[in-house]
Amino acid sequence: MNHKINNFVFEGGGVLGIAYLGVLDYLCQKGMYSSIKNVAGTSAGAITACVSSFNLPFQDMKRIADSLDYRKIPEVGDVPELKYLPPALKREMNKIVGNIDCVYRLLNRYGWYSSNYFYQWLQQTIADQFDSTKKAPPYTFADFKNAAIHKDKRPFKDLYIMGTNLSYKISKLFSYETTPDVEVALAVRISMSIPLFFESISTTDSNITHDDVPNLFVDGGVMANYPIQLFDTGKSPNQQTVGAHFKSQIKYSKTNNLLDFIKNLNAAYMDIQQNAYNHSPQDISRTIDIDTGSISPVNFNVTPNDETYNFLYQQGIKASEQYFDSRKK
């Protein structure tokens, strides 16, 4: 069977996205990556989609991915509004509430952690792919389409990112066609902003909102964690679309504190979409299902080549082999 793939879709899944390195490794080894024209993703899948859109050799993609320090992604950080708080008073408040900066952020920006470290990392990662003498950052979806300003004038793959507009209760698709003047790093930041876990993103930017009132954005996974149907037209599934999706073991999770509650709440609404996927044979047939065992999507205590990293990486390769071998039958 011809394994030509035009579109590839990456599901959201936090640190489970490390498994996508194994998928990309396999696709590159088998010569399938080069035929992909469009890449799409949500949350962790949005990060992978962004990096894979650069159209680089696999080792360069892996080098970029490995430069992200997962341990720094859930960033406590100091909230600017509390910078004048006397240090002694702040220490006493921290004894009472755990971390006053995080509590303030949760109450005012609706998320315990900042995503600023990740945002700055991605901005720099993207900037490294451009010739800054031709255009300075930030870089938009229109810039991703303009190979003349890329380093070596290398064309990128077309990129599609899913977010959620909480103000309107709708999914938001970020792409060259829909949001050409939106910064790509911001779109990906929105897509990975797990509700209550990471701060939400509020903006009045008319390129995103189309109105002049603040719109609140969160993780695209709230409504479209696995947008495998993005490239379908009419009633028939696009047979040149393939996606990567996680299957994890369901187990009891004790709730000891607010963060545990937030993690379990997010896992629960993801299970609703998982059930919909399980009842869609046409989506299952074009999906690489990756068994990630019992690893938590928000276990950010992972480093390149440690046990968790290597397990996920190998599971991505294994699942890809199984999927494409089954298509030969």
C-alpha atoms as a PDB file:
ATOM      1  CA  MET A   1       0.000   0.000   0.000  1.00  0.00           C
ATOM      2  CA  ASN A   2       1.139   3.553  -0.760  1.00  0.00           C
ATOM      3  CA  HIS A   3       1.909   5.280   2.535  1.00  0.00           C
ATOM      4  CA  LYS A   4       1.973   8.818   1.105  1.00  0.00           C
ATOM      5  CA  ILE A   5       0.790  11.144   3.862  1.00  0.00           C
ATOM      6  CA  ASN A   6      -0.298  14.717   3.174  1.00  0.00           C
ATOM      7  CA  ASN A   7      -1.524  15.613   6.658  1.00  0.00           C
ATOM      8  CA  PHE A   8      -0.306  14.590  10.103  1.00  0.00           C
ATOM      9  CA  VAL A   9      -2.146  15.328  13.358  1.00  0.00           C
ATOM     10  CA  PHE A  10      -0.692  15.180  16.886  1.00  0.00           C
ATOM     11  CA  GLU A  11      -2.941  14.732  19.923  1.00  0.00           C
ATOM     12  CA  GLY A  12      -2.437  16.695  23.137  1.00  0.00           C
ATOM     13  CA  GLY A  13      -0.905  14.892  26.092  1.00  0.00           C
ATOM     14  CA  GLY A  14       1.666  16.870  28.084  1.00  0.00           C
ATOM     15  CA  VAL A  15       5.002  15.112  28.518  1.00  0.00           C
ATOM     16  CA  LEU A  16       3.603  12.070  26.698  1.00  0.00           C
ATOM     17  CA  GLY A  17       4.485  14.103  23.605  1.00  0.00           C
ATOM     18  CA  ILE A  18       8.038  12.806  23.984  1.00  0.00           C
ATOM     19  CA  ALA A  19       6.700   9.703  22.231  1.00  0.00           C
ATOM     20  CA  TYR A  20       6.235  11.833  19.118  1.00  0.00           C
ATOM     21  CA  LEU A  21      10.004  11.890  18.712  1.00  0.00           C
ATOM     22  CA  GLY A  22       9.802   8.149  18.141  1.00  0.00           C
ATOM     23  CA  VAL A  23       7.030   8.660  15.582  1.00  0.00           C
ATOM     24  CA  LEU A  24       9.017  11.323  13.727  1.00  0.00           C
ATOM     25  CA  ASP A  25      12.139   9.154  13.866  1.00  0.00           C
ATOM     26  CA  TYR A  26      10.236   6.326  12.193  1.00  0.00           C
ATOM     27  CA  LEU A  27       8.609   8.578   9.568  1.00  0.00           C
ATOM     28  CA  CYS A  28      11.977  10.073   8.648  1.00  0.00           C
ATOM     29  CA  GLN A  29      13.692   6.685   8.482  1.00  0.00           C
ATOM     30  CA  LYS A  30      11.004   5.365   6.139  1.00  0.00           C
ATOM     31  CA  GLY A  31      11.009   8.449   3.916  1.00  0.00           C
ATOM     32  CA  MET A  32       7.404   9.391   4.755  1.00  0.00           C
ATOM     33  CA  TYR A  33       8.065  12.659   6.566  1.00  0.00           C
ATOM     34  CA  SER A  34       9.099  14.499   3.400  1.00  0.00           C
ATOM     35  CA  SER A  35       5.692  14.014   1.746  1.00  0.00           C
ATOM     36  CA  ILE A  36       3.785  15.613   4.623  1.00  0.00           C
ATOM     37  CA  LYS A  37       2.467  19.049   3.650  1.00  0.00           C
ATOM     38  CA  ASN A  38       0.330  19.950   6.665  1.00  0.00           C
ATOM     39  CA  VAL A  39       0.931  19.374  10.386  1.00  0.00           C
ATOM     40  CA  ALA A  40      -1.635  20.002  13.099  1.00  0.00           C
ATOM     41  CA  GLY A  41      -1.778  19.579  16.834  1.00  0.00           C
ATOM     42  CA  THR A  42      -3.193  20.478  20.185  1.00  0.00           C
ATOM     43  CA  SER A  43      -1.304  21.230  23.411  1.00  0.00           C
ATOM     44  CA  ALA A  44       1.809  18.999  23.453  1.00  0.00           C
ATOM     45  CA  GLY A  45       0.831  18.030  19.929  1.00  0.00           C
ATOM     46  CA  ALA A  46       0.918  21.702  18.972  1.00  0.00           C
ATOM     47  CA  ILE A  47       4.516  21.903  20.168  1.00  0.00           C
ATOM     48  CA  THR A  48       5.481  18.895  18.054  1.00  0.00           C
ATOM     49  CA  ALA A  49       3.531  20.202  15.076  1.00  0.00           C
ATOM     50  CA  CYS A  50       5.339  23.534  15.325  1.00  0.00           C
ATOM     51  CA  VAL A  51       8.818  21.985  15.478  1.00  0.00           C
ATOM     52  CA  SER A  52       8.049  19.469  12.729  1.00  0.00           C
ATOM     53  CA  SER A  53       6.729  22.275  10.511  1.00  0.00           C
ATOM     54  CA  PHE A  54      10.292  23.618  10.237  1.00  0.00           C
ATOM     55  CA  ASN A  55      10.970  20.841   7.712  1.00  0.00           C
ATOM     56  CA  LEU A  56      14.292  19.868   9.282  1.00  0.00           C
ATOM     57  CA  PRO A  57      16.220  16.573   9.351  1.00  0.00           C
ATOM     58  CA  PHE A  58      15.187  14.394  12.284  1.00  0.00           C
ATOM     59  CA  GLN A  59      18.356  14.944  14.325  1.00  0.00           C
ATOM     60  CA  ASP A  60      17.790  18.700  14.195  1.00  0.00           C
ATOM     61  CA  MET A  61      14.187  18.272  15.349  1.00  0.00           C
ATOM     62  CA  LYS A  62      15.343  16.041  18.198  1.00  0.00           C
ATOM     63  CA  ARG A  63      18.030  18.522  19.202  1.00  0.00           C
ATOM     64  CA  ILE A  64      15.398  21.256  19.431  1.00  0.00           C
ATOM     65  CA  ALA A  65      12.996  19.063  21.404  1.00  0.00           C
ATOM     66  CA  ASP A  66      15.722  17.999  23.821  1.00  0.00           C
ATOM     67  CA  SER A  67      16.640  21.630  24.523  1.00  0.00           C
ATOM     68  CA  LEU A  68      13.285  22.112  26.270  1.00  0.00           C
ATOM     69  CA  ASP A  69      13.717  21.642  30.024  1.00  0.00           C
ATOM     70  CA  TYR A  70      10.452  19.978  31.060  1.00  0.00           C
ATOM     71  CA  ARG A  71      11.218  20.602  34.730  1.00  0.00           C
ATOM     72  CA  LYS A  72      10.983  24.367  34.137  1.00  0.00           C
ATOM     73  CA  ILE A  73       7.708  24.324  32.198  1.00  0.00           C
ATOM     74  CA  PRO A  74       5.411  24.532  35.259  1.00  0.00           C
ATOM     75  CA  GLU A  75       6.957  27.816  36.370  1.00  0.00           C
ATOM     76  CA  VAL A  76       6.171  29.264  39.772  1.00  0.00           C
ATOM     77  CA  GLY A  77       7.719  32.654  39.004  1.00  0.00           C
ATOM     78  CA  ASP A  78       7.099  35.949  40.748  1.00  0.00           C
ATOM     79  CA  VAL A  79       3.865  37.741  39.929  1.00  0.00           C
ATOM     80  CA  PRO A  80       4.666  41.400  39.028  1.00  0.00           C
ATOM     81  CA  GLU A  81       1.679  42.659  41.015  1.00  0.00           C
ATOM     82  CA  LEU A  82       3.263  41.298  44.219  1.00  0.00           C
ATOM     83  CA  LYS A  83       6.784  42.633  43.671  1.00  0.00           C
ATOM     84  CA  TYR A  84       6.385  45.345  46.324  1.00  0.00           C
ATOM     85  CA  LEU A  85       5.261  42.884  48.974  1.00  0.00           C
ATOM     86  CA  PRO A  86       7.824  42.922  51.830  1.00  0.00           C
ATOM     87  CA  PRO A  87       9.909  39.706  51.715  1.00  0.00           C
ATOM     88  CA  ALA A  88       9.194  38.893  55.360  1.00  0.00           C
ATOM     89  CA  LEU A  89       5.444  39.223  54.824  1.00  0.00           C
ATOM     90  CA  LYS A  90       5.654  37.131  51.663  1.00  0.00           C
ATOM     91  CA  ARG A  91       7.469  34.362  53.527  1.00  0.00           C
ATOM     92  CA  GLU A  92       4.763  34.296  56.182  1.00  0.00           C
ATOM     93  CA  MET A  93       2.012  34.191  53.558  1.00  0.00           C
ATOM     94  CA  ASN A  94       3.793  31.340  51.783  1.00  0.00           C
ATOM     95  CA  LYS A  95       3.705  29.377  55.038  1.00  0.00           C
ATOM     96  CA  ILE A  96      -0.063  29.729  55.081  1.00  0.00           C
ATOM     97  CA  VAL A  97      -1.036  29.213  51.409  1.00  0.00           C
ATOM     98  CA  GLY A  98       1.974  27.341  50.001  1.00  0.00           C
ATOM     99  CA  ASN A  99       2.935  29.943  47.409  1.00  0.00           C
ATOM    100  CA  ILE A 100       1.315  33.355  47.347  1.00  0.00           C
ATOM    101  CA  ASP A 101       2.399  34.029  43.734  1.00  0.00           C
ATOM    102  CA  CYS A 102       0.661  30.862  42.546  1.00  0.00           C
ATOM    103  CA  VAL A 103      -2.464  31.611  44.572  1.00  0.00           C
ATOM    104  CA  TYR A 104      -2.610  35.128  43.135  1.00  0.00           C
ATOM    105  CA  ARG A 105      -2.110  33.745  39.621  1.00  0.00           C
ATOM    106  CA  LEU A 106      -4.842  31.147  40.123  1.00  0.00           C
ATOM    107  CA  LEU A 107      -7.345  33.730  41.348  1.00  0.00           C
ATOM    108  CA  ASN A 108      -6.545  36.382  38.731  1.00  0.00           C
ATOM    109  CA  ARG A 109      -5.256  34.478  35.696  1.00  0.00           C
ATOM    110  CA  TYR A 110      -7.023  31.206  36.397  1.00  0.00           C
ATOM    111  CA  GLY A 111      -3.944  29.001  36.518  1.00  0.00           C
ATOM    112  CA  TRP A 112      -1.497  27.919  39.227  1.00  0.00           C
ATOM    113  CA  TYR A 113       1.647  27.987  37.079  1.00  0.00           C
ATOM    114  CA  SER A 114       3.103  30.469  34.615  1.00  0.00           C
ATOM    115  CA  SER A 115       3.921  29.279  31.085  1.00  0.00           C
ATOM    116  CA  ASN A 116       6.431  32.077  30.502  1.00  0.00           C
ATOM    117  CA  TYR A 117       9.520  29.837  30.397  1.00  0.00           C
ATOM    118  CA  PHE A 118       7.960  27.731  27.661  1.00  0.00           C
ATOM    119  CA  TYR A 119       6.813  30.811  25.732  1.00  0.00           C
ATOM    120  CA  GLN A 120      10.300  32.339  25.735  1.00  0.00           C
ATOM    121  CA  TRP A 121      11.863  29.002  24.761  1.00  0.00           C
ATOM    122  CA  LEU A 122       9.534  28.647  21.786  1.00  0.00           C
ATOM    123  CA  GLN A 123      10.008  32.260  20.692  1.00  0.00           C
ATOM    124  CA  GLN A 124      13.781  31.690  20.565  1.00  0.00           C
ATOM    125  CA  THR A 125      13.386  28.289  18.894  1.00  0.00           C
ATOM    126  CA  ILE A 126      11.275  29.856  16.165  1.00  0.00           C
ATOM    127  CA  ALA A 127      13.601  32.858  15.791  1.00  0.00           C
ATOM    128  CA  ASP A 128      16.489  30.459  15.153  1.00  0.00           C
ATOM    129  CA  GLN A 129      14.727  29.325  11.965  1.00  0.00           C
ATOM    130  CA  PHE A 130      14.544  32.831  10.484  1.00  0.00           C
ATOM    131  CA  ASP A 131      16.928  35.342   8.958  1.00  0.00           C
ATOM    132  CA  SER A 132      16.544  38.264  11.357  1.00  0.00           C
ATOM    133  CA  THR A 133      18.158  40.649   8.859  1.00  0.00           C
ATOM    134  CA  LYS A 134      15.079  40.220   6.668  1.00  0.00           C
ATOM    135  CA  LYS A 135      12.483  40.343   9.431  1.00  0.00           C
ATOM    136  CA  ALA A 136      12.736  40.717  13.178  1.00  0.00           C
ATOM    137  CA  PRO A 137      10.633  38.681  15.621  1.00  0.00           C
ATOM    138  CA  PRO A 138       7.940  37.946  16.595  1.00  0.00           C
ATOM    139  CA  TYR A 139       7.065  35.567  13.760  1.00  0.00           C
ATOM    140  CA  THR A 140       3.534  34.968  12.548  1.00  0.00           C
ATOM    141  CA  PHE A 141       1.747  32.299  10.554  1.00  0.00           C
ATOM    142  CA  ALA A 142       2.245  34.512   7.486  1.00  0.00           C
ATOM    143  CA  ASP A 143       5.988  34.491   8.201  1.00  0.00           C
ATOM    144  CA  PHE A 144       5.948  30.692   8.410  1.00  0.00           C
ATOM    145  CA  LYS A 145       4.518  30.724   4.883  1.00  0.00           C
ATOM    146  CA  ASN A 146       7.176  33.117   3.541  1.00  0.00           C
ATOM    147  CA  ALA A 147      10.255  31.013   2.728  1.00  0.00           C
ATOM    148  CA  ALA A 148      12.166  34.110   1.584  1.00  0.00           C
ATOM    149  CA  ILE A 149      12.751  35.119   5.219  1.00  0.00           C
ATOM    150  CA  HIS A 150      13.569  31.619   6.503  1.00  0.00           C
ATOM    151  CA  LYS A 151      17.162  30.553   7.045  1.00  0.00           C
ATOM    152  CA  ASP A 152      18.434  28.954   3.830  1.00  0.00           C
ATOM    153  CA  LYS A 153      15.041  29.946   2.348  1.00  0.00           C
ATOM    154  CA  ARG A 154      13.772  26.548   3.488  1.00  0.00           C
ATOM    155  CA  PRO A 155      10.001  26.159   2.995  1.00  0.00           C
ATOM    156  CA  PHE A 156       8.025  25.114   6.068  1.00  0.00           C
ATOM    157  CA  LYS A 157       5.143  22.695   6.238  1.00  0.00           C
ATOM    158  CA  ASP A 158       1.764  24.371   6.767  1.00  0.00           C
ATOM    159  CA  LEU A 159       0.934  24.572  10.473  1.00  0.00           C
ATOM    160  CA  TYR A 160      -2.459  24.278  12.213  1.00  0.00           C
ATOM    161  CA  ILE A 161      -2.878  24.824  15.966  1.00  0.00           C
ATOM    162  CA  MET A 162      -6.000  24.299  18.093  1.00  0.00           C
ATOM    163  CA  GLY A 163      -6.924  26.547  21.008  1.00  0.00           C
ATOM    164  CA  THR A 164     -10.095  27.144  23.009  1.00  0.00           C
ATOM    165  CA  ASN A 165     -11.804  30.532  23.264  1.00  0.00           C
ATOM    166  CA  LEU A 166     -13.395  30.254  26.694  1.00  0.00           C
ATOM    167  CA  SER A 167     -15.184  33.589  26.337  1.00  0.00           C
ATOM    168  CA  TYR A 168     -17.196  32.271  23.386  1.00  0.00           C
ATOM    169  CA  LYS A 169     -17.022  28.576  24.369  1.00  0.00           C
ATOM    170  CA  ILE A 170     -15.665  27.568  20.942  1.00  0.00           C
ATOM    171  CA  SER A 171     -12.588  25.940  19.450  1.00  0.00           C
ATOM    172  CA  LYS A 172     -10.141  28.318  17.800  1.00  0.00           C
ATOM    173  CA  LEU A 173      -8.080  27.241  14.801  1.00  0.00           C
ATOM    174  CA  PHE A 174      -4.817  29.119  14.325  1.00  0.00           C
ATOM    175  CA  SER A 175      -3.300  28.887  10.836  1.00  0.00           C
ATOM    176  CA  TYR A 176      -2.120  30.892   7.851  1.00  0.00           C
ATOM    177  CA  GLU A 177      -5.646  30.797   6.425  1.00  0.00           C
ATOM    178  CA  THR A 178      -7.466  31.819   9.607  1.00  0.00           C
ATOM    179  CA  THR A 179      -4.989  33.917  11.633  1.00  0.00           C
ATOM    180  CA  PRO A 180      -2.112  34.980   9.347  1.00  0.00           C
ATOM    181  CA  ASP A 181      -0.979  37.863  11.577  1.00  0.00           C
ATOM    182  CA  VAL A 182      -0.980  35.981  14.898  1.00  0.00           C
ATOM    183  CA  GLU A 183       2.345  35.094  16.510  1.00  0.00           C
ATOM    184  CA  VAL A 184       2.887  31.334  16.226  1.00  0.00           C
ATOM    185  CA  ALA A 185       4.544  31.074  19.652  1.00  0.00           C
ATOM    186  CA  LEU A 186       1.495  32.711  21.234  1.00  0.00           C
ATOM    187  CA  ALA A 187      -0.879  30.314  19.472  1.00  0.00           C
ATOM    188  CA  VAL A 188       1.105  27.320  20.739  1.00  0.00           C
ATOM    189  CA  ARG A 189       1.236  28.820  24.237  1.00  0.00           C
ATOM    190  CA  ILE A 190      -2.545  29.119  24.178  1.00  0.00           C
ATOM    191  CA  SER A 191      -2.884  25.552  22.938  1.00  0.00           C
ATOM    192  CA  MET A 192      -0.852  24.112  25.846  1.00  0.00           C
ATOM    193  CA  SER A 193      -2.434  26.220  28.621  1.00  0.00           C
ATOM    194  CA  ILE A 194      -4.077  23.424  30.623  1.00  0.00           C
ATOM    195  CA  PRO A 195      -7.017  25.010  32.497  1.00  0.00           C
ATOM    196  CA  LEU A 196      -6.267  25.913  36.122  1.00  0.00           C
ATOM    197  CA  PHE A 197      -2.836  24.254  35.828  1.00  0.00           C
ATOM    198  CA  PHE A 198      -1.322  26.971  33.592  1.00  0.00           C
ATOM    199  CA  GLU A 199      -2.422  30.598  33.498  1.00  0.00           C
ATOM    200  CA  SER A 200      -4.998  31.382  30.843  1.00  0.00           C
ATOM    201  CA  ILE A 201      -4.205  33.870  28.077  1.00  0.00           C
ATOM    202  CA  SER A 202      -6.315  37.025  27.882  1.00  0.00           C
ATOM    203  CA  THR A 203      -6.109  39.208  24.788  1.00  0.00           C
ATOM    204  CA  THR A 204      -7.919  41.957  22.900  1.00  0.00           C
ATOM    205  CA  ASP A 205      -5.792  41.438  19.778  1.00  0.00           C
ATOM    206  CA  SER A 206      -8.246  41.787  16.888  1.00  0.00           C
ATOM    207  CA  ASN A 207      -6.194  39.332  14.830  1.00  0.00           C
ATOM    208  CA  ILE A 208      -7.343  36.663  17.279  1.00  0.00           C
ATOM    209  CA  THR A 209     -10.623  37.889  18.746  1.00  0.00           C
ATOM    210  CA  HIS A 210     -12.310  39.889  15.940  1.00  0.00           C
ATOM    211  CA  ASP A 211     -13.776  42.193  18.584  1.00  0.00           C
ATOM    212  CA  ASP A 212     -12.478  44.750  21.076  1.00  0.00           C
ATOM    213  CA  VAL A 213     -13.309  43.025  24.354  1.00  0.00           C
ATOM    214  CA  PRO A 214     -10.959  40.740  26.311  1.00  0.00           C
ATOM    215  CA  ASN A 215     -11.143  37.122  25.168  1.00  0.00           C
ATOM    216  CA  LEU A 216      -9.873  34.352  27.425  1.00  0.00           C
ATOM    217  CA  PHE A 217      -8.028  31.432  25.813  1.00  0.00           C
ATOM    218  CA  VAL A 218      -7.037  28.053  27.235  1.00  0.00           C
ATOM    219  CA  ASP A 219      -5.779  24.652  26.102  1.00  0.00           C
ATOM    220  CA  GLY A 220      -7.152  23.536  22.748  1.00  0.00           C
ATOM    221  CA  GLY A 221      -7.641  20.110  24.285  1.00  0.00           C
ATOM    222  CA  VAL A 222     -10.716  21.294  26.181  1.00  0.00           C
ATOM    223  CA  MET A 223     -12.745  20.923  22.975  1.00  0.00           C
ATOM    224  CA  ALA A 224     -10.453  19.372  20.345  1.00  0.00           C
ATOM    225  CA  ASN A 225      -7.623  17.388  21.872  1.00  0.00           C
ATOM    226  CA  TYR A 226      -7.234  15.202  18.791  1.00  0.00           C
ATOM    227  CA  PRO A 227      -8.323  17.153  15.676  1.00  0.00           C
ATOM    228  CA  ILE A 228      -7.924  14.194  13.311  1.00  0.00           C
ATOM    229  CA  GLN A 229     -10.937  15.364  11.283  1.00  0.00           C
ATOM    230  CA  LEU A 230      -9.427  18.782  10.559  1.00  0.00           C
ATOM    231  CA  PHE A 231      -8.551  17.988   6.946  1.00  0.00           C
ATOM    232  CA  ASP A 232     -11.722  16.040   6.121  1.00  0.00           C
ATOM    233  CA  THR A 233     -14.135  17.431   3.560  1.00  0.00           C
ATOM    234  CA  GLY A 234     -17.739  16.333   3.301  1.00  0.00           C
ATOM    235  CA  LYS A 235     -18.675  13.045   4.933  1.00  0.00           C
ATOM    236  CA  SER A 236     -15.653  11.033   3.839  1.00  0.00           C
ATOM    237  CA  PRO A 237     -12.496  10.870   5.971  1.00  0.00           C
ATOM    238  CA  ASN A 238      -9.325  12.073   4.277  1.00  0.00           C
ATOM    239  CA  GLN A 239      -7.312   8.910   3.647  1.00  0.00           C
ATOM    240  CA  GLN A 240      -4.115  10.925   3.334  1.00  0.00           C
ATOM    241  CA  THR A 241      -4.417  12.051   6.951  1.00  0.00           C
ATOM    242  CA  VAL A 242      -2.659  10.093   9.694  1.00  0.00           C
ATOM    243  CA  GLY A 243      -2.520  10.996  13.360  1.00  0.00           C
ATOM    244  CA  ALA A 244      -0.779   9.970  16.562  1.00  0.00           C
ATOM    245  CA  HIS A 245      -2.842   9.365  19.685  1.00  0.00           C
ATOM    246  CA  PHE A 246      -2.176   8.134  23.217  1.00  0.00           C
ATOM    247  CA  LYS A 247      -3.776   5.226  24.992  1.00  0.00           C
ATOM    248  CA  SER A 248      -3.064   5.228  28.706  1.00  0.00           C
ATOM    249  CA  GLN A 249      -3.959   2.974  31.588  1.00  0.00           C
ATOM    250  CA  ILE A 250      -6.887   4.220  33.648  1.00  0.00           C
ATOM    251  CA  LYS A 251      -6.072   3.999  37.329  1.00  0.00           C
ATOM    252  CA  TYR A 252      -7.195   5.377  40.657  1.00  0.00           C
ATOM    253  CA  SER A 253      -5.757   8.814  41.444  1.00  0.00           C
ATOM    254  CA  LYS A 254      -5.984  10.140  44.966  1.00  0.00           C
ATOM    255  CA  THR A 255      -6.737  13.824  45.458  1.00  0.00           C
ATOM    256  CA  ASN A 256      -4.618  15.251  48.266  1.00  0.00           C
ATOM    257  CA  ASN A 257      -4.538  18.921  47.322  1.00  0.00           C
ATOM    258  CA  LEU A 258      -5.721  21.523  44.843  1.00  0.00           C
ATOM    259  CA  LEU A 259      -3.128  20.589  42.214  1.00  0.00           C
ATOM    260  CA  ASP A 260      -4.192  16.934  42.368  1.00  0.00           C
ATOM    261  CA  PHE A 261      -7.792  18.057  41.894  1.00  0.00           C
ATOM    262  CA  ILE A 262      -6.858  20.150  38.850  1.00  0.00           C
ATOM    263  CA  LYS A 263      -4.905  17.269  37.294  1.00  0.00           C
ATOM    264  CA  ASN A 264      -7.743  14.784  37.821  1.00  0.00           C
ATOM    265  CA  LEU A 265     -10.349  17.238  36.545  1.00  0.00           C
ATOM    266  CA  ASN A 266      -8.415  17.776  33.323  1.00  0.00           C
ATOM    267  CA  ALA A 267      -7.915  14.029  32.906  1.00  0.00           C
ATOM    268  CA  ALA A 268     -11.665  13.503  33.267  1.00  0.00           C
ATOM    269  CA  TYR A 269     -12.693  15.846  30.457  1.00  0.00           C
ATOM    270  CA  MET A 270     -10.031  14.297  28.217  1.00  0.00           C
ATOM    271  CA  ASP A 271     -11.662  10.909  28.823  1.00  0.00           C
ATOM    272  CA  ILE A 272     -14.907  12.237  27.328  1.00  0.00           C
ATOM    273  CA  GLN A 273     -13.120  12.875  24.027  1.00  0.00           C
ATOM    274  CA  GLN A 274     -11.350   9.519  24.333  1.00  0.00           C
ATOM    275  CA  ASN A 275     -14.733   7.786  24.452  1.00  0.00           C
ATOM    276  CA  ALA A 276     -15.821   9.583  21.282  1.00  0.00           C
ATOM    277  CA  TYR A 277     -12.631   8.448  19.540  1.00  0.00           C
ATOM    278  CA  ASN A 278     -13.172   4.853  20.679  1.00  0.00           C
ATOM    279  CA  HIS A 279     -16.505   4.839  18.834  1.00  0.00           C
ATOM    280  CA  SER A 280     -15.106   6.210  15.564  1.00  0.00           C
ATOM    281  CA  PRO A 281     -13.710   3.375  13.401  1.00  0.00           C
ATOM    282  CA  GLN A 282     -12.793   5.801  10.615  1.00  0.00           C
ATOM    283  CA  ASP A 283     -10.557   7.755  12.998  1.00  0.00           C
ATOM    284  CA  ILE A 284      -9.047   4.657  14.598  1.00  0.00           C
ATOM    285  CA  SER A 285      -8.111   3.300  11.160  1.00  0.00           C
ATOM    286  CA  ARG A 286      -5.874   6.292  10.448  1.00  0.00           C
ATOM    287  CA  THR A 287      -4.326   6.624  13.878  1.00  0.00           C
ATOM    288  CA  ILE A 288      -1.040   5.488  15.388  1.00  0.00           C
ATOM    289  CA  ASP A 289      -2.074   4.464  18.917  1.00  0.00           C
ATOM    290  CA  ILE A 290       0.790   4.875  21.371  1.00  0.00           C
ATOM    291  CA  ASP A 291       0.634   2.935  24.642  1.00  0.00           C
ATOM    292  CA  THR A 292       2.109   5.256  27.273  1.00  0.00           C
ATOM    293  CA  GLY A 293       1.446   2.995  30.251  1.00  0.00           C
ATOM    294  CA  SER A 294       0.669   4.779  33.497  1.00  0.00           C
ATOM    295  CA  ILE A 295       2.833   7.873  32.937  1.00  0.00           C
ATOM    296  CA  SER A 296       1.062  11.094  33.885  1.00  0.00           C
ATOM    297  CA  PRO A 297       0.832  13.789  31.183  1.00  0.00           C
ATOM    298  CA  VAL A 298       1.832  16.358  33.803  1.00  0.00           C
ATOM    299  CA  ASN A 299       4.842  14.503  35.188  1.00  0.00           C
ATOM    300  CA  PHE A 300       7.300  17.198  34.157  1.00  0.00           C
ATOM    301  CA  ASN A 301      10.179  15.639  36.067  1.00  0.00           C
ATOM    302  CA  VAL A 302      11.621  14.204  32.842  1.00  0.00           C
ATOM    303  CA  THR A 303      15.010  14.726  31.221  1.00  0.00           C
ATOM    304  CA  PRO A 304      16.410  13.520  27.867  1.00  0.00           C
ATOM    305  CA  ASN A 305      17.492   9.885  27.972  1.00  0.00           C
ATOM    306  CA  ASP A 306      16.130   9.136  31.434  1.00  0.00           C
ATOM    307  CA  GLU A 307      13.922   6.067  31.933  1.00  0.00           C
ATOM    308  CA  THR A 308      10.612   7.824  31.238  1.00  0.00           C
ATOM    309  CA  TYR A 309      11.984   9.642  28.186  1.00  0.00           C
ATOM    310  CA  ASN A 310      13.454   6.477  26.664  1.00  0.00           C
ATOM    311  CA  PHE A 311      10.272   4.484  27.317  1.00  0.00           C
ATOM    312  CA  LEU A 312       8.056   7.060  25.594  1.00  0.00           C
ATOM    313  CA  TYR A 313      10.483   7.459  22.695  1.00  0.00           C
ATOM    314  CA  GLN A 314      10.589   3.712  22.073  1.00  0.00           C
ATOM    315  CA  GLN A 315       6.814   3.414  22.409  1.00  0.00           C
ATOM    316  CA  GLY A 316       6.459   5.985  19.636  1.00  0.00           C
ATOM    317  CA  ILE A 317       8.691   3.943  17.338  1.00  0.00           C
ATOM    318  CA  LYS A 318       6.971   0.680  18.272  1.00  0.00           C
ATOM    319  CA  ALA A 319       3.464   2.043  17.672  1.00  0.00           C
ATOM    320  CA  SER A 320       4.502   3.468  14.294  1.00  0.00           C
ATOM    321  CA  GLU A 321       5.969   0.141  13.206  1.00  0.00           C
ATOM    322  CA  GLN A 322       2.806  -1.695  14.246  1.00  0.00           C
ATOM    323  CA  TYR A 323       0.542   0.767  12.457  1.00  0.00           C
ATOM    324  CA  PHE A 324       2.328   0.774   9.121  1.00  0.00           C
ATOM    325  CA  ASP A 325       2.979  -2.978   9.216  1.00  0.00           C
ATOM    326  CA  SER A 326      -0.769  -3.522   9.644  1.00  0.00           C
ATOM    327  CA  ARG A 327      -1.449  -1.421   6.539  1.00  0.00           C
ATOM    328  CA  LYS A 328       0.684  -3.739   4.437  1.00  0.00           C
ATOM    329  CA  LYS A 329      -1.706  -6.643   5.052  1.00  0.00           C
END
